[in-house]
Amino acid sequence: MQKWDNQNTRNLITTLLLLKNEAEMKRFLRDLLTENEIIEFGKRWQAAQLLNETVPYTDIIQKTGLSSTTVARISKWLRHGRGGYRLALKKIHGHHVNVKSGASP
């Protein structure tokens, strides 16, 4: 199995950081990913935001259409990952991020 942190992914990250606005990012993501992949990533991000607001798993599953396994995985990474979700949530909200483990399966 190939390591995810490799030269190709670092190149991708550098490229994403060079894009200057929403229009550029939308164009790049649409060329890079299928429409379904973009939609899936959007749902996962929505789930992370809802989990941060301590919305119950059942409501998140209903709102996003994600599986309970995917929601549980997002919850795990939100609470015990590398801090990427928390960092992004702080950036979009500009305040302390609530990462309670109160949302239950």
N, C-alpha and C. Protein backbone atom coordinates (compact mmCIF):
# COMPACT_ATOMS: atom_id res chain seq x y z
N MET A 1 0.84 -1.19 0.00
CA MET A 1 0.00 0.00 0.00
C MET A 1 0.88 1.24 0.00
N GLN A 2 0.54 2.18 -0.84
CA GLN A 2 1.33 3.40 -0.96
C GLN A 2 0.98 4.37 0.17
N LYS A 3 1.99 5.00 0.69
CA LYS A 3 1.83 6.00 1.74
C LYS A 3 1.12 7.22 1.17
N TRP A 4 0.15 7.77 1.91
CA TRP A 4 -0.61 8.90 1.38
C TRP A 4 0.21 10.18 1.33
N ASP A 5 1.16 10.32 2.23
CA ASP A 5 2.00 11.53 2.26
C ASP A 5 3.23 11.26 1.40
N ASN A 6 3.10 11.58 0.11
CA ASN A 6 4.17 11.33 -0.83
C ASN A 6 4.35 12.55 -1.73
N GLN A 7 5.27 12.48 -2.65
CA GLN A 7 5.55 13.63 -3.51
C GLN A 7 4.33 14.06 -4.33
N ASN A 8 3.56 13.12 -4.81
CA ASN A 8 2.36 13.47 -5.59
C ASN A 8 1.35 14.23 -4.74
N THR A 9 1.09 13.76 -3.52
CA THR A 9 0.11 14.45 -2.69
C THR A 9 0.65 15.79 -2.20
N ARG A 10 1.93 15.87 -1.92
CA ARG A 10 2.51 17.18 -1.53
C ARG A 10 2.39 18.17 -2.68
N ASN A 11 2.58 17.69 -3.92
CA ASN A 11 2.43 18.54 -5.09
C ASN A 11 0.98 19.01 -5.21
N LEU A 12 0.03 18.12 -4.98
CA LEU A 12 -1.38 18.49 -5.01
C LEU A 12 -1.68 19.56 -3.96
N ILE A 13 -1.20 19.36 -2.75
CA ILE A 13 -1.44 20.32 -1.68
C ILE A 13 -0.86 21.69 -2.03
N THR A 14 0.33 21.71 -2.57
CA THR A 14 0.95 22.97 -2.99
C THR A 14 0.09 23.65 -4.05
N THR A 15 -0.41 22.87 -4.98
CA THR A 15 -1.26 23.42 -6.04
C THR A 15 -2.54 24.01 -5.46
N LEU A 16 -3.18 23.29 -4.54
CA LEU A 16 -4.41 23.79 -3.92
C LEU A 16 -4.15 25.12 -3.21
N LEU A 17 -3.01 25.22 -2.56
CA LEU A 17 -2.68 26.45 -1.84
C LEU A 17 -2.42 27.63 -2.77
N LEU A 18 -2.08 27.34 -4.01
CA LEU A 18 -1.81 28.41 -4.98
C LEU A 18 -3.08 28.99 -5.60
N LEU A 19 -4.18 28.26 -5.51
CA LEU A 19 -5.43 28.75 -6.08
C LEU A 19 -5.93 29.92 -5.24
N LYS A 20 -6.39 30.97 -5.91
CA LYS A 20 -6.60 32.25 -5.24
C LYS A 20 -8.03 32.52 -4.78
N ASN A 21 -9.01 31.85 -5.34
CA ASN A 21 -10.39 32.18 -4.97
C ASN A 21 -11.31 30.99 -5.24
N GLU A 22 -12.56 31.18 -4.89
CA GLU A 22 -13.55 30.11 -5.04
C GLU A 22 -13.68 29.66 -6.49
N ALA A 23 -13.70 30.61 -7.41
CA ALA A 23 -13.86 30.25 -8.83
C ALA A 23 -12.71 29.37 -9.31
N GLU A 24 -11.48 29.72 -8.95
CA GLU A 24 -10.33 28.90 -9.35
C GLU A 24 -10.40 27.51 -8.72
N MET A 25 -10.78 27.47 -7.45
CA MET A 25 -10.87 26.18 -6.76
C MET A 25 -11.95 25.31 -7.39
N LYS A 26 -13.10 25.89 -7.70
CA LYS A 26 -14.18 25.13 -8.32
C LYS A 26 -13.74 24.56 -9.66
N ARG A 27 -13.08 25.36 -10.45
CA ARG A 27 -12.61 24.89 -11.76
C ARG A 27 -11.63 23.74 -11.61
N PHE A 28 -10.69 23.88 -10.69
CA PHE A 28 -9.68 22.84 -10.49
C PHE A 28 -10.31 21.55 -9.95
N LEU A 29 -11.14 21.68 -8.92
CA LEU A 29 -11.76 20.49 -8.35
C LEU A 29 -12.63 19.76 -9.36
N ARG A 30 -13.34 20.51 -10.20
CA ARG A 30 -14.20 19.87 -11.20
C ARG A 30 -13.38 19.11 -12.24
N ASP A 31 -12.20 19.61 -12.58
CA ASP A 31 -11.33 18.89 -13.51
C ASP A 31 -10.65 17.70 -12.83
N LEU A 32 -10.33 17.85 -11.55
CA LEU A 32 -9.61 16.81 -10.82
C LEU A 32 -10.52 15.65 -10.41
N LEU A 33 -11.73 15.97 -9.98
CA LEU A 33 -12.63 14.98 -9.39
C LEU A 33 -13.91 14.83 -10.22
N THR A 34 -14.59 13.72 -10.02
CA THR A 34 -15.91 13.57 -10.63
C THR A 34 -16.90 14.40 -9.83
N GLU A 35 -18.06 14.66 -10.42
CA GLU A 35 -19.09 15.40 -9.69
C GLU A 35 -19.48 14.66 -8.42
N ASN A 36 -19.60 13.33 -8.50
CA ASN A 36 -19.96 12.54 -7.32
C ASN A 36 -18.91 12.62 -6.22
N GLU A 37 -17.64 12.65 -6.59
CA GLU A 37 -16.58 12.79 -5.58
C GLU A 37 -16.66 14.14 -4.88
N ILE A 38 -16.91 15.18 -5.64
CA ILE A 38 -17.04 16.52 -5.05
C ILE A 38 -18.24 16.55 -4.10
N ILE A 39 -19.34 15.97 -4.53
CA ILE A 39 -20.54 15.92 -3.68
C ILE A 39 -20.25 15.14 -2.41
N GLU A 40 -19.56 14.01 -2.53
CA GLU A 40 -19.21 13.19 -1.36
C GLU A 40 -18.34 13.97 -0.38
N PHE A 41 -17.34 14.68 -0.87
CA PHE A 41 -16.48 15.48 0.00
C PHE A 41 -17.30 16.56 0.69
N GLY A 42 -18.23 17.16 -0.04
CA GLY A 42 -19.11 18.17 0.55
C GLY A 42 -19.96 17.61 1.68
N LYS A 43 -20.46 16.41 1.48
CA LYS A 43 -21.27 15.75 2.52
C LYS A 43 -20.42 15.44 3.75
N ARG A 44 -19.21 15.00 3.53
CA ARG A 44 -18.33 14.70 4.66
C ARG A 44 -18.00 15.96 5.45
N TRP A 45 -17.78 17.05 4.76
CA TRP A 45 -17.50 18.32 5.42
C TRP A 45 -18.74 18.79 6.19
N GLN A 46 -19.92 18.63 5.58
CA GLN A 46 -21.16 18.97 6.26
C GLN A 46 -21.31 18.14 7.53
N ALA A 47 -21.00 16.86 7.45
CA ALA A 47 -21.09 15.98 8.62
C ALA A 47 -20.15 16.44 9.73
N ALA A 48 -18.94 16.83 9.37
CA ALA A 48 -17.98 17.32 10.37
C ALA A 48 -18.53 18.56 11.07
N GLN A 49 -19.13 19.45 10.30
CA GLN A 49 -19.70 20.66 10.89
C GLN A 49 -20.87 20.33 11.81
N LEU A 50 -21.72 19.41 11.38
CA LEU A 50 -22.86 19.01 12.20
C LEU A 50 -22.40 18.29 13.47
N LEU A 51 -21.42 17.43 13.35
CA LEU A 51 -20.86 16.76 14.53
C LEU A 51 -20.29 17.78 15.51
N ASN A 52 -19.63 18.78 14.99
CA ASN A 52 -19.08 19.83 15.83
C ASN A 52 -20.17 20.58 16.60
N GLU A 53 -21.36 20.63 16.00
CA GLU A 53 -22.51 21.27 16.65
C GLU A 53 -23.28 20.28 17.53
N THR A 54 -22.73 19.09 17.71
CA THR A 54 -23.31 17.98 18.49
C THR A 54 -24.69 17.54 17.99
N VAL A 55 -24.89 17.62 16.70
CA VAL A 55 -26.11 17.10 16.09
C VAL A 55 -26.04 15.56 16.18
N PRO A 56 -27.11 14.89 16.54
CA PRO A 56 -27.10 13.43 16.66
C PRO A 56 -26.77 12.74 15.32
N TYR A 57 -26.11 11.60 15.43
CA TYR A 57 -25.73 10.83 14.24
C TYR A 57 -26.93 10.59 13.33
N THR A 58 -28.06 10.21 13.91
CA THR A 58 -29.22 9.88 13.08
C THR A 58 -29.66 11.07 12.23
N ASP A 59 -29.60 12.26 12.78
CA ASP A 59 -29.95 13.47 12.02
C ASP A 59 -28.93 13.73 10.91
N ILE A 60 -27.66 13.51 11.22
CA ILE A 60 -26.60 13.73 10.23
C ILE A 60 -26.75 12.74 9.07
N ILE A 61 -27.01 11.50 9.39
CA ILE A 61 -27.22 10.47 8.36
C ILE A 61 -28.39 10.86 7.47
N GLN A 62 -29.47 11.32 8.09
CA GLN A 62 -30.66 11.72 7.32
C GLN A 62 -30.37 12.94 6.44
N LYS A 63 -29.66 13.93 6.98
CA LYS A 63 -29.39 15.17 6.23
C LYS A 63 -28.39 14.97 5.10
N THR A 64 -27.39 14.10 5.33
CA THR A 64 -26.30 13.96 4.36
C THR A 64 -26.43 12.75 3.45
N GLY A 65 -27.13 11.72 3.91
CA GLY A 65 -27.19 10.48 3.16
C GLY A 65 -25.94 9.62 3.33
N LEU A 66 -25.05 10.03 4.22
CA LEU A 66 -23.84 9.24 4.50
C LEU A 66 -24.19 8.03 5.34
N SER A 67 -23.37 7.01 5.27
CA SER A 67 -23.59 5.82 6.09
C SER A 67 -23.19 6.12 7.54
N SER A 68 -23.72 5.32 8.45
CA SER A 68 -23.35 5.48 9.86
C SER A 68 -21.86 5.23 10.06
N THR A 69 -21.29 4.34 9.27
CA THR A 69 -19.85 4.06 9.36
C THR A 69 -19.04 5.29 8.98
N THR A 70 -19.45 5.97 7.92
CA THR A 70 -18.73 7.17 7.48
C THR A 70 -18.87 8.28 8.52
N VAL A 71 -20.06 8.46 9.06
CA VAL A 71 -20.26 9.49 10.09
C VAL A 71 -19.41 9.17 11.32
N ALA A 72 -19.37 7.91 11.72
CA ALA A 72 -18.55 7.51 12.86
C ALA A 72 -17.08 7.76 12.60
N ARG A 73 -16.62 7.50 11.38
CA ARG A 73 -15.22 7.74 11.03
C ARG A 73 -14.90 9.24 11.09
N ILE A 74 -15.80 10.05 10.57
CA ILE A 74 -15.60 11.50 10.62
C ILE A 74 -15.56 11.97 12.07
N SER A 75 -16.43 11.44 12.89
CA SER A 75 -16.44 11.79 14.31
C SER A 75 -15.13 11.42 14.98
N LYS A 76 -14.63 10.24 14.66
CA LYS A 76 -13.36 9.78 15.23
C LYS A 76 -12.23 10.73 14.83
N TRP A 77 -12.17 11.10 13.57
CA TRP A 77 -11.10 11.99 13.11
C TRP A 77 -11.28 13.40 13.64
N LEU A 78 -12.52 13.83 13.84
CA LEU A 78 -12.78 15.14 14.42
C LEU A 78 -12.23 15.20 15.85
N ARG A 79 -12.42 14.12 16.59
CA ARG A 79 -11.98 14.09 17.99
C ARG A 79 -10.54 13.64 18.18
N HIS A 80 -10.07 12.72 17.33
CA HIS A 80 -8.76 12.12 17.59
C HIS A 80 -7.85 12.08 16.37
N GLY A 81 -8.14 12.88 15.37
CA GLY A 81 -7.31 12.88 14.16
C GLY A 81 -6.11 13.79 14.30
N ARG A 82 -5.66 14.31 13.21
CA ARG A 82 -4.49 15.19 13.21
C ARG A 82 -4.84 16.66 13.40
N GLY A 83 -6.10 16.94 13.66
CA GLY A 83 -6.53 18.30 13.93
C GLY A 83 -6.94 19.08 12.69
N GLY A 84 -7.01 18.42 11.55
CA GLY A 84 -7.38 19.10 10.32
C GLY A 84 -8.80 19.62 10.32
N TYR A 85 -9.73 18.79 10.79
CA TYR A 85 -11.11 19.25 10.88
C TYR A 85 -11.22 20.44 11.84
N ARG A 86 -10.61 20.31 13.02
CA ARG A 86 -10.68 21.39 14.00
C ARG A 86 -10.09 22.68 13.45
N LEU A 87 -8.96 22.58 12.76
CA LEU A 87 -8.32 23.75 12.18
C LEU A 87 -9.24 24.43 11.16
N ALA A 88 -9.83 23.64 10.28
CA ALA A 88 -10.72 24.19 9.26
C ALA A 88 -11.96 24.80 9.90
N LEU A 89 -12.51 24.14 10.90
CA LEU A 89 -13.68 24.68 11.58
C LEU A 89 -13.36 26.01 12.25
N LYS A 90 -12.21 26.10 12.88
CA LYS A 90 -11.79 27.37 13.49
C LYS A 90 -11.67 28.46 12.44
N LYS A 91 -11.11 28.12 11.31
CA LYS A 91 -10.92 29.12 10.26
C LYS A 91 -12.25 29.63 9.70
N ILE A 92 -13.21 28.73 9.52
CA ILE A 92 -14.48 29.20 8.96
C ILE A 92 -15.37 29.87 10.00
N HIS A 93 -15.21 29.52 11.26
CA HIS A 93 -16.05 30.10 12.31
C HIS A 93 -15.35 31.22 13.06
N GLY A 94 -14.03 31.25 13.02
CA GLY A 94 -13.28 32.30 13.69
C GLY A 94 -13.41 32.29 15.20
N HIS A 95 -13.72 31.13 15.76
CA HIS A 95 -13.82 31.04 17.22
C HIS A 95 -13.51 29.63 17.68
N HIS A 96 -13.61 29.43 18.98
CA HIS A 96 -13.34 28.11 19.58
C HIS A 96 -14.23 27.04 18.96
N VAL A 97 -13.65 25.90 18.69
CA VAL A 97 -14.39 24.80 18.08
C VAL A 97 -14.84 23.83 19.17
N ASN A 98 -16.09 23.45 19.10
CA ASN A 98 -16.68 22.51 20.03
C ASN A 98 -16.43 21.09 19.52
N VAL A 99 -15.60 20.34 20.19
CA VAL A 99 -15.33 18.96 19.76
C VAL A 99 -15.74 17.98 20.86
N LYS A 100 -16.87 18.23 21.45
CA LYS A 100 -17.41 17.31 22.47
C LYS A 100 -17.67 15.95 21.83
N SER A 101 -17.59 14.94 22.63
CA SER A 101 -17.94 13.62 22.13
C SER A 101 -19.40 13.33 22.43
N GLY A 102 -20.19 14.38 22.59
CA GLY A 102 -21.60 14.25 22.96
C GLY A 102 -22.49 13.64 21.90
N ALA A 103 -22.16 13.80 20.62
CA ALA A 103 -22.99 13.19 19.59
C ALA A 103 -22.78 11.69 19.65
N SER A 104 -23.85 10.96 19.75
CA SER A 104 -23.70 9.51 19.89
C SER A 104 -24.31 8.78 18.73
N PRO A 105 -23.78 7.57 18.46
CA PRO A 105 -24.34 6.77 17.36
C PRO A 105 -25.75 6.32 17.63
